[in-house]
Amino acid sequence: MGSSARRFPPPGGVSSRPALSGGTGEVGGAAGPAVPPAPVVLAEAMLRVLRWLSPRRGAVVVLEDMHWADRETLAVLEYLADHVTVFPVAVVLTARSDEPGTSGLASALARDALHLHLGPLADSEVAAMAAACLGVDTAPRRSWLACAGTPLACRSS
């Protein structure tokens, strides 16, 4: 292990591994406990890992498709929003504003968060993306027209 390598958990620290591993002892383990950890336990484990990762350079956490988040996930997010401000961590979330689950996300983040609304891609941008995905100079109009400016729909069609 080189001098710049970091051990998990940090020496003398309490292990966050059980909460992050689903009870298997391995982060990303396949088997899970019969009862998932309480949201505050998972949130505290995430804070410990972020605190451990971020002391010198900071860290960025990206959570996508948060419009699909359940109540427990929103509780973890709210806990993180309340406590992550004490060390250099940026949390970036993506959510579709036209999805039903977005209201719970907005209430969990009723803080000093910066909200950016990104509209759909312009037709020319979708056409360029479709052409790149197809490996051609110009994509047929039918290949991107139904995407309505949504990159995922363009990529899937």
N, C-alpha and C. Protein backbone atom coordinates (compact mmCIF):
# COMPACT_ATOMS: atom_id res chain seq x y z
N MET A 1 0.86 -1.17 0.00
CA MET A 1 0.00 0.00 0.00
C MET A 1 0.90 1.23 0.00
N GLY A 2 0.76 2.10 -0.98
CA GLY A 2 1.58 3.30 -1.09
C GLY A 2 1.25 4.30 0.00
N SER A 3 2.11 5.30 0.13
CA SER A 3 1.91 6.29 1.18
C SER A 3 0.65 7.13 0.97
N SER A 4 0.17 7.23 -0.27
CA SER A 4 -1.03 8.03 -0.51
C SER A 4 -2.31 7.21 -0.43
N ALA A 5 -2.18 5.88 -0.28
CA ALA A 5 -3.37 5.03 -0.20
C ALA A 5 -4.06 5.26 1.13
N ARG A 6 -5.37 5.07 1.15
CA ARG A 6 -6.15 5.27 2.36
C ARG A 6 -6.79 3.96 2.76
N ARG A 7 -6.72 3.64 4.03
CA ARG A 7 -7.35 2.43 4.53
C ARG A 7 -8.79 2.71 4.88
N PHE A 8 -9.64 1.70 4.68
CA PHE A 8 -11.04 1.81 5.07
C PHE A 8 -11.31 0.73 6.09
N PRO A 9 -11.78 1.01 7.26
CA PRO A 9 -12.08 2.32 7.81
C PRO A 9 -10.80 3.00 8.25
N PRO A 10 -10.86 4.30 8.51
CA PRO A 10 -9.68 5.01 8.97
C PRO A 10 -9.21 4.43 10.30
N PRO A 11 -7.89 4.45 10.55
CA PRO A 11 -7.38 3.92 11.81
C PRO A 11 -8.07 4.59 13.00
N GLY A 12 -8.48 3.80 13.96
CA GLY A 12 -9.11 4.33 15.16
C GLY A 12 -10.56 4.76 14.95
N GLY A 13 -11.04 4.68 13.72
CA GLY A 13 -12.41 5.10 13.43
C GLY A 13 -13.38 3.94 13.57
N VAL A 14 -14.61 4.26 13.75
CA VAL A 14 -15.65 3.25 13.81
C VAL A 14 -16.02 2.88 12.38
N SER A 15 -16.10 1.61 12.10
CA SER A 15 -16.38 1.17 10.74
C SER A 15 -17.80 1.53 10.30
N SER A 16 -17.89 2.06 9.09
CA SER A 16 -19.18 2.33 8.47
C SER A 16 -19.57 1.19 7.55
N ARG A 17 -18.68 0.22 7.43
CA ARG A 17 -18.87 -0.87 6.48
C ARG A 17 -20.18 -1.62 6.65
N PRO A 18 -20.64 -1.97 7.87
CA PRO A 18 -21.90 -2.71 7.97
C PRO A 18 -23.09 -1.96 7.38
N ALA A 19 -23.19 -0.66 7.63
CA ALA A 19 -24.33 0.10 7.11
C ALA A 19 -24.25 0.28 5.61
N LEU A 20 -23.04 0.42 5.08
CA LEU A 20 -22.89 0.65 3.64
C LEU A 20 -22.94 -0.64 2.84
N SER A 21 -22.71 -1.78 3.50
CA SER A 21 -22.61 -3.04 2.78
C SER A 21 -23.89 -3.84 2.76
N GLY A 22 -24.93 -3.35 3.41
CA GLY A 22 -26.15 -4.15 3.48
C GLY A 22 -26.00 -5.32 4.43
N GLY A 23 -25.05 -5.22 5.38
CA GLY A 23 -24.87 -6.25 6.38
C GLY A 23 -23.92 -7.37 5.99
N THR A 24 -23.33 -7.32 4.80
CA THR A 24 -22.46 -8.39 4.36
C THR A 24 -21.02 -8.20 4.78
N GLY A 25 -20.65 -6.97 5.18
CA GLY A 25 -19.26 -6.69 5.51
C GLY A 25 -18.47 -6.23 4.31
N GLU A 26 -19.02 -6.36 3.12
CA GLU A 26 -18.35 -5.93 1.89
C GLU A 26 -19.16 -4.82 1.27
N VAL A 27 -18.50 -3.70 0.99
CA VAL A 27 -19.18 -2.59 0.34
C VAL A 27 -19.60 -3.06 -1.04
N GLY A 28 -20.88 -2.91 -1.35
CA GLY A 28 -21.41 -3.38 -2.63
C GLY A 28 -21.75 -4.86 -2.61
N GLY A 29 -21.81 -5.47 -1.43
CA GLY A 29 -22.11 -6.89 -1.32
C GLY A 29 -23.49 -7.22 -1.87
N ALA A 30 -23.66 -8.46 -2.33
CA ALA A 30 -24.92 -8.85 -2.96
C ALA A 30 -26.02 -9.17 -1.95
N ALA A 31 -25.65 -9.80 -0.85
CA ALA A 31 -26.66 -10.18 0.13
C ALA A 31 -26.97 -9.01 1.04
N GLY A 32 -28.20 -8.92 1.46
CA GLY A 32 -28.59 -7.82 2.34
C GLY A 32 -29.17 -8.34 3.63
N PRO A 33 -29.27 -7.49 4.62
CA PRO A 33 -29.85 -7.92 5.88
C PRO A 33 -31.35 -8.09 5.74
N ALA A 34 -31.94 -8.80 6.68
CA ALA A 34 -33.39 -9.00 6.66
C ALA A 34 -34.11 -7.67 6.83
N VAL A 35 -33.53 -6.78 7.63
CA VAL A 35 -34.11 -5.46 7.86
C VAL A 35 -33.06 -4.43 7.48
N PRO A 36 -33.36 -3.53 6.56
CA PRO A 36 -32.37 -2.53 6.17
C PRO A 36 -32.07 -1.59 7.34
N PRO A 37 -30.88 -0.99 7.34
CA PRO A 37 -30.55 -0.07 8.43
C PRO A 37 -31.47 1.15 8.40
N ALA A 38 -31.67 1.74 9.57
CA ALA A 38 -32.47 2.96 9.65
C ALA A 38 -31.80 4.05 8.82
N PRO A 39 -32.59 4.95 8.22
CA PRO A 39 -32.00 6.01 7.40
C PRO A 39 -30.91 6.80 8.11
N VAL A 40 -31.07 7.07 9.39
CA VAL A 40 -30.05 7.86 10.10
C VAL A 40 -28.74 7.08 10.22
N VAL A 41 -28.82 5.76 10.33
CA VAL A 41 -27.61 4.93 10.41
C VAL A 41 -26.87 4.98 9.08
N LEU A 42 -27.60 4.83 7.98
CA LEU A 42 -26.99 4.90 6.66
C LEU A 42 -26.43 6.30 6.40
N ALA A 43 -27.18 7.33 6.77
CA ALA A 43 -26.72 8.71 6.55
C ALA A 43 -25.46 8.99 7.35
N GLU A 44 -25.41 8.53 8.59
CA GLU A 44 -24.21 8.75 9.41
C GLU A 44 -23.02 7.99 8.83
N ALA A 45 -23.26 6.79 8.33
CA ALA A 45 -22.18 6.03 7.69
C ALA A 45 -21.67 6.77 6.45
N MET A 46 -22.59 7.32 5.67
CA MET A 46 -22.18 8.08 4.48
C MET A 46 -21.37 9.31 4.88
N LEU A 47 -21.80 10.00 5.94
CA LEU A 47 -21.05 11.16 6.42
C LEU A 47 -19.64 10.78 6.84
N ARG A 48 -19.51 9.66 7.52
CA ARG A 48 -18.18 9.22 7.96
C ARG A 48 -17.28 8.95 6.76
N VAL A 49 -17.81 8.29 5.75
CA VAL A 49 -17.02 8.01 4.56
C VAL A 49 -16.65 9.32 3.86
N LEU A 50 -17.61 10.24 3.73
CA LEU A 50 -17.32 11.53 3.09
C LEU A 50 -16.30 12.33 3.89
N ARG A 51 -16.42 12.32 5.18
CA ARG A 51 -15.45 13.02 6.04
C ARG A 51 -14.07 12.43 5.85
N TRP A 52 -14.00 11.12 5.72
CA TRP A 52 -12.74 10.42 5.54
C TRP A 52 -12.14 10.71 4.16
N LEU A 53 -12.98 10.80 3.13
CA LEU A 53 -12.50 11.02 1.77
C LEU A 53 -12.12 12.47 1.47
N SER A 54 -12.71 13.42 2.17
CA SER A 54 -12.65 14.80 1.73
C SER A 54 -11.75 15.78 2.48
N PRO A 55 -10.91 15.37 3.41
CA PRO A 55 -10.26 16.40 4.22
C PRO A 55 -9.35 17.35 3.45
N ARG A 56 -8.65 16.89 2.43
CA ARG A 56 -7.71 17.75 1.72
C ARG A 56 -8.29 18.35 0.45
N ARG A 57 -8.87 17.54 -0.38
CA ARG A 57 -9.33 17.98 -1.69
C ARG A 57 -10.82 18.17 -1.80
N GLY A 58 -11.57 17.65 -0.88
CA GLY A 58 -13.02 17.69 -0.98
C GLY A 58 -13.53 16.49 -1.74
N ALA A 59 -14.82 16.42 -1.89
CA ALA A 59 -15.45 15.31 -2.59
C ALA A 59 -16.73 15.80 -3.25
N VAL A 60 -17.15 15.11 -4.28
CA VAL A 60 -18.41 15.40 -4.95
C VAL A 60 -19.24 14.12 -4.94
N VAL A 61 -20.47 14.24 -4.48
CA VAL A 61 -21.41 13.12 -4.49
C VAL A 61 -22.48 13.45 -5.53
N VAL A 62 -22.68 12.54 -6.48
CA VAL A 62 -23.68 12.74 -7.51
C VAL A 62 -24.76 11.68 -7.36
N LEU A 63 -25.98 12.12 -7.18
CA LEU A 63 -27.14 11.23 -7.05
C LEU A 63 -28.10 11.57 -8.19
N GLU A 64 -28.32 10.63 -9.06
CA GLU A 64 -29.16 10.87 -10.22
C GLU A 64 -30.55 10.30 -10.04
N ASP A 65 -31.47 10.82 -10.85
CA ASP A 65 -32.86 10.35 -10.89
C ASP A 65 -33.52 10.38 -9.52
N MET A 66 -33.29 11.45 -8.79
CA MET A 66 -33.84 11.57 -7.44
C MET A 66 -35.36 11.75 -7.43
N HIS A 67 -35.97 11.95 -8.57
CA HIS A 67 -37.43 12.01 -8.63
C HIS A 67 -38.02 10.63 -8.31
N TRP A 68 -37.20 9.60 -8.35
CA TRP A 68 -37.66 8.25 -8.01
C TRP A 68 -37.32 7.88 -6.57
N ALA A 69 -36.78 8.80 -5.80
CA ALA A 69 -36.34 8.50 -4.43
C ALA A 69 -37.52 8.17 -3.52
N ASP A 70 -37.32 7.17 -2.68
CA ASP A 70 -38.35 6.82 -1.69
C ASP A 70 -38.17 7.66 -0.42
N ARG A 71 -39.07 7.52 0.53
CA ARG A 71 -39.02 8.32 1.76
C ARG A 71 -37.72 8.13 2.53
N GLU A 72 -37.24 6.90 2.59
CA GLU A 72 -36.01 6.62 3.33
C GLU A 72 -34.82 7.31 2.68
N THR A 73 -34.76 7.27 1.36
CA THR A 73 -33.67 7.94 0.65
C THR A 73 -33.73 9.44 0.88
N LEU A 74 -34.93 10.00 0.85
CA LEU A 74 -35.08 11.44 1.12
C LEU A 74 -34.67 11.78 2.55
N ALA A 75 -34.93 10.88 3.48
CA ALA A 75 -34.52 11.12 4.87
C ALA A 75 -32.99 11.12 4.97
N VAL A 76 -32.32 10.22 4.27
CA VAL A 76 -30.86 10.19 4.24
C VAL A 76 -30.35 11.48 3.62
N LEU A 77 -30.95 11.90 2.52
CA LEU A 77 -30.54 13.12 1.84
C LEU A 77 -30.72 14.35 2.74
N GLU A 78 -31.82 14.41 3.44
CA GLU A 78 -32.06 15.53 4.34
C GLU A 78 -31.02 15.56 5.46
N TYR A 79 -30.69 14.42 6.01
CA TYR A 79 -29.67 14.33 7.05
C TYR A 79 -28.32 14.80 6.49
N LEU A 80 -27.97 14.34 5.30
CA LEU A 80 -26.72 14.77 4.67
C LEU A 80 -26.72 16.28 4.44
N ALA A 81 -27.83 16.83 3.96
CA ALA A 81 -27.91 18.27 3.71
C ALA A 81 -27.71 19.06 5.00
N ASP A 82 -28.18 18.53 6.11
CA ASP A 82 -28.02 19.21 7.40
C ASP A 82 -26.60 19.14 7.95
N HIS A 83 -25.85 18.10 7.59
CA HIS A 83 -24.56 17.85 8.23
C HIS A 83 -23.35 17.94 7.31
N VAL A 84 -23.52 17.92 6.02
CA VAL A 84 -22.37 17.89 5.11
C VAL A 84 -21.68 19.25 4.98
N THR A 85 -22.30 20.29 5.47
CA THR A 85 -21.73 21.64 5.33
C THR A 85 -20.49 21.86 6.18
N VAL A 86 -20.16 20.97 7.09
CA VAL A 86 -19.01 21.16 7.96
C VAL A 86 -17.69 20.71 7.34
N PHE A 87 -17.72 20.10 6.17
CA PHE A 87 -16.49 19.73 5.49
C PHE A 87 -16.70 19.86 3.99
N PRO A 88 -15.60 19.89 3.19
CA PRO A 88 -15.70 20.24 1.77
C PRO A 88 -16.30 19.14 0.89
N VAL A 89 -17.60 19.11 0.83
CA VAL A 89 -18.31 18.14 -0.01
C VAL A 89 -19.41 18.87 -0.77
N ALA A 90 -19.49 18.59 -2.04
CA ALA A 90 -20.58 19.12 -2.86
C ALA A 90 -21.50 17.95 -3.21
N VAL A 91 -22.79 18.16 -3.05
CA VAL A 91 -23.77 17.15 -3.40
C VAL A 91 -24.53 17.65 -4.62
N VAL A 92 -24.50 16.87 -5.69
CA VAL A 92 -25.18 17.21 -6.94
C VAL A 92 -26.30 16.20 -7.16
N LEU A 93 -27.50 16.71 -7.35
CA LEU A 93 -28.66 15.85 -7.56
C LEU A 93 -29.26 16.13 -8.92
N THR A 94 -29.78 15.11 -9.54
CA THR A 94 -30.57 15.32 -10.75
C THR A 94 -31.97 14.78 -10.50
N ALA A 95 -32.94 15.49 -11.02
CA ALA A 95 -34.35 15.06 -10.91
C ALA A 95 -35.13 15.73 -12.01
N ARG A 96 -36.11 15.04 -12.51
CA ARG A 96 -37.00 15.62 -13.50
C ARG A 96 -38.08 16.42 -12.79
N SER A 97 -38.26 17.65 -13.20
CA SER A 97 -39.23 18.51 -12.52
C SER A 97 -40.67 18.14 -12.86
N ASP A 98 -40.87 17.36 -13.91
CA ASP A 98 -42.23 16.99 -14.30
C ASP A 98 -42.68 15.64 -13.73
N GLU A 99 -41.87 15.05 -12.85
CA GLU A 99 -42.21 13.76 -12.26
C GLU A 99 -42.89 13.96 -10.90
N PRO A 100 -43.80 13.07 -10.51
CA PRO A 100 -44.54 13.23 -9.25
C PRO A 100 -43.67 13.25 -8.00
N GLY A 101 -42.56 12.50 -7.96
CA GLY A 101 -41.75 12.41 -6.76
C GLY A 101 -40.91 13.64 -6.45
N THR A 102 -40.94 14.62 -7.30
CA THR A 102 -40.07 15.79 -7.13
C THR A 102 -40.47 16.66 -5.94
N SER A 103 -41.73 16.66 -5.54
CA SER A 103 -42.15 17.51 -4.43
C SER A 103 -41.49 17.09 -3.12
N GLY A 104 -41.32 15.80 -2.88
CA GLY A 104 -40.64 15.33 -1.67
C GLY A 104 -39.18 15.74 -1.66
N LEU A 105 -38.58 15.75 -2.83
CA LEU A 105 -37.19 16.17 -2.95
C LEU A 105 -37.05 17.64 -2.62
N ALA A 106 -37.96 18.46 -3.11
CA ALA A 106 -37.90 19.90 -2.85
C ALA A 106 -38.04 20.19 -1.36
N SER A 107 -38.91 19.47 -0.67
CA SER A 107 -39.08 19.73 0.76
C SER A 107 -37.88 19.25 1.56
N ALA A 108 -37.20 18.18 1.11
CA ALA A 108 -36.00 17.69 1.80
C ALA A 108 -34.84 18.66 1.64
N LEU A 109 -34.88 19.46 0.59
CA LEU A 109 -33.77 20.38 0.31
C LEU A 109 -34.15 21.84 0.46
N ALA A 110 -35.08 22.14 1.32
CA ALA A 110 -35.50 23.53 1.52
C ALA A 110 -34.43 24.26 2.33
N ARG A 111 -33.27 24.37 1.75
CA ARG A 111 -32.12 25.02 2.38
C ARG A 111 -31.50 25.99 1.40
N ASP A 112 -30.23 26.26 1.62
CA ASP A 112 -29.51 27.18 0.74
C ASP A 112 -28.95 26.47 -0.48
N ALA A 113 -29.73 25.59 -1.06
CA ALA A 113 -29.27 24.84 -2.23
C ALA A 113 -29.45 25.68 -3.49
N LEU A 114 -28.54 25.49 -4.41
CA LEU A 114 -28.63 26.14 -5.71
C LEU A 114 -29.42 25.21 -6.63
N HIS A 115 -30.49 25.71 -7.18
CA HIS A 115 -31.34 24.91 -8.08
C HIS A 115 -31.15 25.41 -9.50
N LEU A 116 -30.81 24.50 -10.39
CA LEU A 116 -30.68 24.83 -11.80
C LEU A 116 -31.73 24.05 -12.57
N HIS A 117 -32.53 24.75 -13.32
CA HIS A 117 -33.52 24.07 -14.15
C HIS A 117 -32.94 23.94 -15.55
N LEU A 118 -32.80 22.72 -15.99
CA LEU A 118 -32.29 22.46 -17.34
C LEU A 118 -33.45 22.03 -18.21
N GLY A 119 -33.67 22.75 -19.26
CA GLY A 119 -34.74 22.41 -20.18
C GLY A 119 -34.32 21.31 -21.12
N PRO A 120 -35.22 20.88 -21.96
CA PRO A 120 -34.88 19.84 -22.94
C PRO A 120 -33.86 20.36 -23.95
N LEU A 121 -33.17 19.43 -24.58
CA LEU A 121 -32.23 19.80 -25.63
C LEU A 121 -32.98 20.36 -26.83
N ALA A 122 -32.34 21.27 -27.53
CA ALA A 122 -32.89 21.80 -28.78
C ALA A 122 -32.84 20.70 -29.84
N ASP A 123 -33.68 20.82 -30.86
CA ASP A 123 -33.70 19.82 -31.93
C ASP A 123 -32.32 19.62 -32.55
N SER A 124 -31.58 20.70 -32.74
CA SER A 124 -30.25 20.57 -33.33
C SER A 124 -29.30 19.79 -32.43
N GLU A 125 -29.44 19.95 -31.10
CA GLU A 125 -28.60 19.22 -30.16
C GLU A 125 -28.98 17.73 -30.14
N VAL A 126 -30.27 17.44 -30.19
CA VAL A 126 -30.72 16.05 -30.23
C VAL A 126 -30.27 15.39 -31.52
N ALA A 127 -30.35 16.11 -32.63
CA ALA A 127 -29.90 15.58 -33.92
C ALA A 127 -28.40 15.27 -33.88
N ALA A 128 -27.61 16.16 -33.29
CA ALA A 128 -26.17 15.93 -33.18
C ALA A 128 -25.88 14.72 -32.29
N MET A 129 -26.62 14.59 -31.20
CA MET A 129 -26.43 13.46 -30.29
C MET A 129 -26.80 12.15 -31.00
N ALA A 130 -27.92 12.15 -31.71
CA ALA A 130 -28.34 10.94 -32.44
C ALA A 130 -27.29 10.56 -33.48
N ALA A 131 -26.76 11.55 -34.18
CA ALA A 131 -25.73 11.27 -35.20
C ALA A 131 -24.50 10.66 -34.54
N ALA A 132 -24.09 11.20 -33.39
CA ALA A 132 -22.93 10.66 -32.68
C ALA A 132 -23.18 9.23 -32.22
N CYS A 133 -24.38 8.97 -31.70
CA CYS A 133 -24.73 7.62 -31.24
C CYS A 133 -24.76 6.62 -32.40
N LEU A 134 -25.21 7.08 -33.55
CA LEU A 134 -25.30 6.21 -34.72
C LEU A 134 -23.99 6.13 -35.50
N GLY A 135 -23.05 7.02 -35.18
CA GLY A 135 -21.77 7.02 -35.88
C GLY A 135 -21.89 7.54 -37.31
N VAL A 136 -22.79 8.49 -37.54
CA VAL A 136 -22.98 9.07 -38.87
C VAL A 136 -22.85 10.59 -38.77
N ASP A 137 -22.73 11.24 -39.93
CA ASP A 137 -22.62 12.70 -39.95
C ASP A 137 -23.97 13.36 -39.67
N THR A 138 -25.03 12.80 -40.24
CA THR A 138 -26.37 13.35 -40.05
C THR A 138 -27.34 12.21 -39.79
N ALA A 139 -28.01 12.30 -38.66
CA ALA A 139 -28.97 11.25 -38.29
C ALA A 139 -30.30 11.51 -38.98
N PRO A 140 -30.99 10.44 -39.43
CA PRO A 140 -32.32 10.63 -40.01
C PRO A 140 -33.26 11.26 -38.98
N ARG A 141 -34.09 12.17 -39.41
CA ARG A 141 -35.00 12.89 -38.53
C ARG A 141 -35.85 11.94 -37.68
N ARG A 142 -36.30 10.85 -38.25
CA ARG A 142 -37.14 9.90 -37.51
C ARG A 142 -36.40 9.28 -36.33
N SER A 143 -35.04 9.27 -36.38
CA SER A 143 -34.28 8.65 -35.30
C SER A 143 -34.23 9.50 -34.04
N TRP A 144 -34.56 10.79 -34.13
CA TRP A 144 -34.47 11.64 -32.95
C TRP A 144 -35.71 12.49 -32.70
N LEU A 145 -36.64 12.54 -33.63
CA LEU A 145 -37.79 13.43 -33.51
C LEU A 145 -38.66 13.11 -32.27
N ALA A 146 -38.86 11.85 -31.97
CA ALA A 146 -39.74 11.46 -30.86
C ALA A 146 -39.07 11.64 -29.49
N CYS A 147 -37.82 12.02 -29.45
CA CYS A 147 -37.09 12.15 -28.18
C CYS A 147 -37.55 13.34 -27.34
N ALA A 148 -38.16 14.32 -27.95
CA ALA A 148 -38.65 15.51 -27.25
C ALA A 148 -37.58 16.19 -26.40
N GLY A 149 -36.32 16.13 -26.87
CA GLY A 149 -35.26 16.83 -26.18
C GLY A 149 -34.67 16.10 -24.99
N THR A 150 -35.08 14.86 -24.77
CA THR A 150 -34.58 14.08 -23.63
C THR A 150 -33.41 13.20 -24.09
N PRO A 151 -32.21 13.44 -23.57
CA PRO A 151 -31.05 12.67 -24.02
C PRO A 151 -31.20 11.16 -23.86
N LEU A 152 -31.77 10.70 -22.75
CA LEU A 152 -31.93 9.27 -22.55
C LEU A 152 -32.83 8.66 -23.61
N ALA A 153 -33.91 9.35 -23.95
CA ALA A 153 -34.82 8.85 -24.98
C ALA A 153 -34.11 8.81 -26.33
N CYS A 154 -33.27 9.79 -26.57
CA CYS A 154 -32.52 9.83 -27.84
C CYS A 154 -31.54 8.67 -27.89
N ARG A 155 -30.87 8.44 -26.82
CA ARG A 155 -29.87 7.36 -26.77
C ARG A 155 -30.53 6.00 -26.90
N SER A 156 -31.75 5.84 -26.39
CA SER A 156 -32.45 4.56 -26.40
C SER A 156 -33.15 4.27 -27.72
N SER A 157 -33.40 5.30 -28.51
CA SER A 157 -34.19 5.06 -29.74
C SER A 157 -33.36 4.62 -30.90
